[in-house]
Amino acid sequence: MAVVAAVLAAVAALVTLVPWFEVLPAYSALTGYVGEAASLFGLGPESSLAFEESYGVWGLPALAGTFGEYALLYGSFGGEGADAAAMLVAVVAWGCVALCLFAVVLLVWGTVDGLRKGAKGKLVTGAVVAVLAFAAFQVFASLAGDLGQTTIFPAVFLAASLGALACSFALKR
């Protein structure tokens, strides 16, 4: 059970390195046109308005920054609430990144402690933080709207984290 918990914690850590968010091809194509239009009005360089094809959890702040640029562009044409929307998306993106980083550190540290000393507190805390990170990502994905679609990897991250937690509790008995 300790080995299974270690493998599941490693899977949860590794899955944070793969894309969690895929940008729809139509938005990637639209980026060029919007960037050119914005530069005609002196509202920003083309490159800052670009979406990547996919974003891992560590790339969510870049996605939020691009979303913020679009919100500011919308606001400069008289749109209401653009600043608040950009700030909300940025806060949730950075929160998701911070929670994922914290969860990964706790899962790995907790697994090492579990294998060496039999301690499970950090692993339990890491799994709880992973649940919060997954919830933050779902909020981020819903705030981003139709900019992209989520992949299977956030669910794998959550399942591996909870599996490591279940193994640690089974090991306790």
Protein backbone atom coordinates (compact mmCIF):
# COMPACT_ATOMS: atom_id res chain seq x y z
CA MET A 1 0.00 0.00 0.00
CA ALA A 2 2.85 2.39 0.76
CA VAL A 3 4.34 1.76 -2.69
CA VAL A 4 0.96 2.26 -4.36
CA ALA A 5 0.53 5.54 -2.45
CA ALA A 6 3.99 6.63 -3.61
CA VAL A 7 3.22 5.77 -7.24
CA LEU A 8 -0.10 7.62 -7.11
CA ALA A 9 1.54 10.68 -5.55
CA ALA A 10 4.17 10.59 -8.31
CA VAL A 11 1.44 10.35 -10.96
CA ALA A 12 -0.32 13.37 -9.40
CA ALA A 13 2.94 15.33 -9.43
CA LEU A 14 3.81 14.37 -13.02
CA VAL A 15 0.34 15.11 -14.39
CA THR A 16 0.75 18.77 -13.43
CA LEU A 17 3.37 19.04 -16.19
CA VAL A 18 1.01 18.15 -19.05
CA PRO A 19 -1.64 20.38 -20.65
CA TRP A 20 -4.76 20.91 -18.55
CA PHE A 21 -6.41 23.42 -20.86
CA GLU A 22 -6.60 23.28 -24.65
CA VAL A 23 -7.36 26.42 -26.60
CA LEU A 24 -9.86 25.95 -29.39
CA PRO A 25 -8.31 26.39 -32.87
CA ALA A 26 -10.78 29.15 -33.76
CA TYR A 27 -9.41 31.31 -30.92
CA SER A 28 -5.83 30.77 -32.01
CA ALA A 29 -6.74 31.97 -35.52
CA LEU A 30 -8.77 34.89 -34.15
CA THR A 31 -5.83 36.03 -32.04
CA GLY A 32 -3.94 37.36 -35.07
CA TYR A 33 -6.85 39.43 -36.31
CA VAL A 34 -7.64 40.90 -32.92
CA GLY A 35 -3.97 41.69 -32.32
CA GLU A 36 -3.71 43.54 -35.63
CA ALA A 37 -6.89 45.50 -34.92
CA ALA A 38 -5.65 46.40 -31.44
CA SER A 39 -2.32 47.61 -32.81
CA LEU A 40 -4.14 49.86 -35.30
CA PHE A 41 -5.78 51.59 -32.35
CA GLY A 42 -2.53 51.65 -30.38
CA LEU A 43 -3.97 49.34 -27.73
CA GLY A 44 -1.16 46.83 -27.47
CA PRO A 45 1.33 44.68 -29.31
CA GLU A 46 0.14 41.65 -31.22
CA SER A 47 2.18 39.18 -29.19
CA SER A 48 0.49 40.00 -25.88
CA LEU A 49 -2.88 38.97 -27.27
CA ALA A 50 -1.79 35.46 -28.31
CA PHE A 51 -3.22 32.23 -26.94
CA GLU A 52 -1.00 29.19 -26.87
CA GLU A 53 -2.38 25.90 -28.14
CA SER A 54 -2.47 24.39 -24.69
CA TYR A 55 -1.68 25.38 -21.13
CA GLY A 56 -0.47 23.24 -18.28
CA VAL A 57 -1.45 24.26 -14.79
CA TRP A 58 1.81 26.26 -14.57
CA GLY A 59 0.79 28.20 -17.72
CA LEU A 60 -2.58 29.32 -16.38
CA PRO A 61 -1.27 32.78 -15.36
CA ALA A 62 -0.16 33.34 -18.98
CA LEU A 63 -3.64 32.35 -20.14
CA ALA A 64 -5.14 34.70 -17.56
CA GLY A 65 -2.82 37.48 -18.79
CA THR A 66 -4.01 36.98 -22.36
CA PHE A 67 -7.60 36.97 -21.15
CA GLY A 68 -6.86 40.19 -19.26
CA GLU A 69 -5.50 41.82 -22.42
CA TYR A 70 -8.71 40.94 -24.24
CA ALA A 71 -10.76 42.29 -21.32
CA LEU A 72 -8.82 45.57 -21.41
CA LEU A 73 -9.36 45.78 -25.16
CA TYR A 74 -13.07 45.22 -24.56
CA GLY A 75 -13.04 47.90 -21.86
CA SER A 76 -11.31 50.42 -24.10
CA PHE A 77 -14.23 50.13 -26.51
CA GLY A 78 -16.69 50.96 -23.73
CA GLY A 79 -17.34 47.50 -22.30
CA GLU A 80 -18.33 47.43 -18.64
CA GLY A 81 -16.71 45.30 -15.93
CA ALA A 82 -13.60 44.43 -17.95
CA ASP A 83 -11.16 45.29 -15.15
CA ALA A 84 -13.07 43.26 -12.58
CA ALA A 85 -13.30 40.26 -14.90
CA ALA A 86 -9.59 40.39 -15.71
CA MET A 87 -8.69 40.65 -12.02
CA LEU A 88 -10.98 37.76 -11.05
CA VAL A 89 -9.55 35.47 -13.72
CA ALA A 90 -5.97 36.38 -12.71
CA VAL A 91 -6.63 35.74 -9.01
CA VAL A 92 -8.24 32.36 -9.66
CA ALA A 93 -5.43 31.36 -12.07
CA TRP A 94 -2.69 32.23 -9.58
CA GLY A 95 -4.68 30.58 -6.79
CA CYS A 96 -4.93 27.38 -8.82
CA VAL A 97 -1.19 27.41 -9.51
CA ALA A 98 -0.36 28.04 -5.84
CA LEU A 99 -2.69 25.27 -4.68
CA CYS A 100 -1.30 22.79 -7.20
CA LEU A 101 2.27 23.58 -6.22
CA PHE A 102 1.43 23.25 -2.54
CA ALA A 103 -0.46 19.98 -3.17
CA VAL A 104 2.42 18.47 -5.16
CA VAL A 105 4.97 19.42 -2.50
CA LEU A 106 2.80 17.97 0.27
CA LEU A 107 2.02 14.79 -1.69
CA VAL A 108 5.68 14.09 -2.43
CA TRP A 109 6.84 15.07 1.07
CA GLY A 110 3.99 13.11 2.64
CA THR A 111 4.80 10.03 0.59
CA VAL A 112 8.46 10.17 1.60
CA ASP A 113 7.45 10.59 5.25
CA GLY A 114 4.96 7.75 4.90
CA LEU A 115 7.56 5.40 3.47
CA ARG A 116 10.25 6.35 5.99
CA LYS A 117 8.34 6.99 9.22
CA GLY A 118 4.78 5.86 8.61
CA ALA A 119 3.51 9.44 9.02
CA LYS A 120 0.47 10.33 6.98
CA GLY A 121 -0.39 13.91 7.94
CA LYS A 122 1.31 15.61 5.00
CA LEU A 123 -0.14 13.14 2.52
CA VAL A 124 -3.64 13.73 3.86
CA THR A 125 -3.13 17.50 3.73
CA GLY A 126 -1.73 17.21 0.20
CA ALA A 127 -4.79 15.29 -0.97
CA VAL A 128 -7.12 17.87 0.60
CA VAL A 129 -5.17 20.69 -1.08
CA ALA A 130 -5.36 18.73 -4.37
CA VAL A 131 -9.16 18.73 -4.06
CA LEU A 132 -9.05 22.51 -3.55
CA ALA A 133 -6.70 22.90 -6.53
CA PHE A 134 -9.05 20.86 -8.70
CA ALA A 135 -11.99 23.04 -7.59
CA ALA A 136 -9.97 26.21 -8.33
CA PHE A 137 -9.16 24.88 -11.80
CA GLN A 138 -12.82 24.14 -12.48
CA VAL A 139 -13.68 27.71 -11.44
CA PHE A 140 -10.92 29.02 -13.71
CA ALA A 141 -12.16 26.93 -16.64
CA SER A 142 -15.70 28.20 -16.15
CA LEU A 143 -14.49 31.82 -15.90
CA ALA A 144 -12.49 31.41 -19.10
CA GLY A 145 -15.72 30.32 -20.77
CA ASP A 146 -15.37 29.09 -24.33
CA LEU A 147 -11.69 29.99 -24.64
CA GLY A 148 -10.86 26.35 -24.43
CA GLN A 149 -11.74 22.98 -23.09
CA THR A 150 -10.34 21.15 -20.14
CA THR A 151 -8.49 17.89 -20.64
CA ILE A 152 -8.60 14.71 -18.61
CA PHE A 153 -5.49 15.64 -16.63
CA PRO A 154 -7.11 17.68 -13.84
CA ALA A 155 -9.34 14.69 -13.10
CA VAL A 156 -6.31 12.34 -13.15
CA PHE A 157 -4.52 14.71 -10.73
CA LEU A 158 -7.52 14.59 -8.40
CA ALA A 159 -8.00 10.83 -8.69
CA ALA A 160 -4.31 10.08 -8.09
CA SER A 161 -4.24 12.39 -5.06
CA LEU A 162 -7.34 10.79 -3.56
CA GLY A 163 -5.99 7.32 -4.39
CA ALA A 164 -2.79 8.10 -2.49
CA LEU A 165 -4.95 9.28 0.42
CA ALA A 166 -7.05 6.10 0.34
CA CYS A 167 -3.90 3.95 0.29
CA SER A 168 -2.49 5.81 3.29
CA PHE A 169 -5.70 5.21 5.25
CA ALA A 170 -5.75 1.53 4.21
CA LEU A 171 -2.14 1.25 5.32
CA LYS A 172 -3.08 2.68 8.72
CA ARG A 173 -5.46 -0.22 9.33
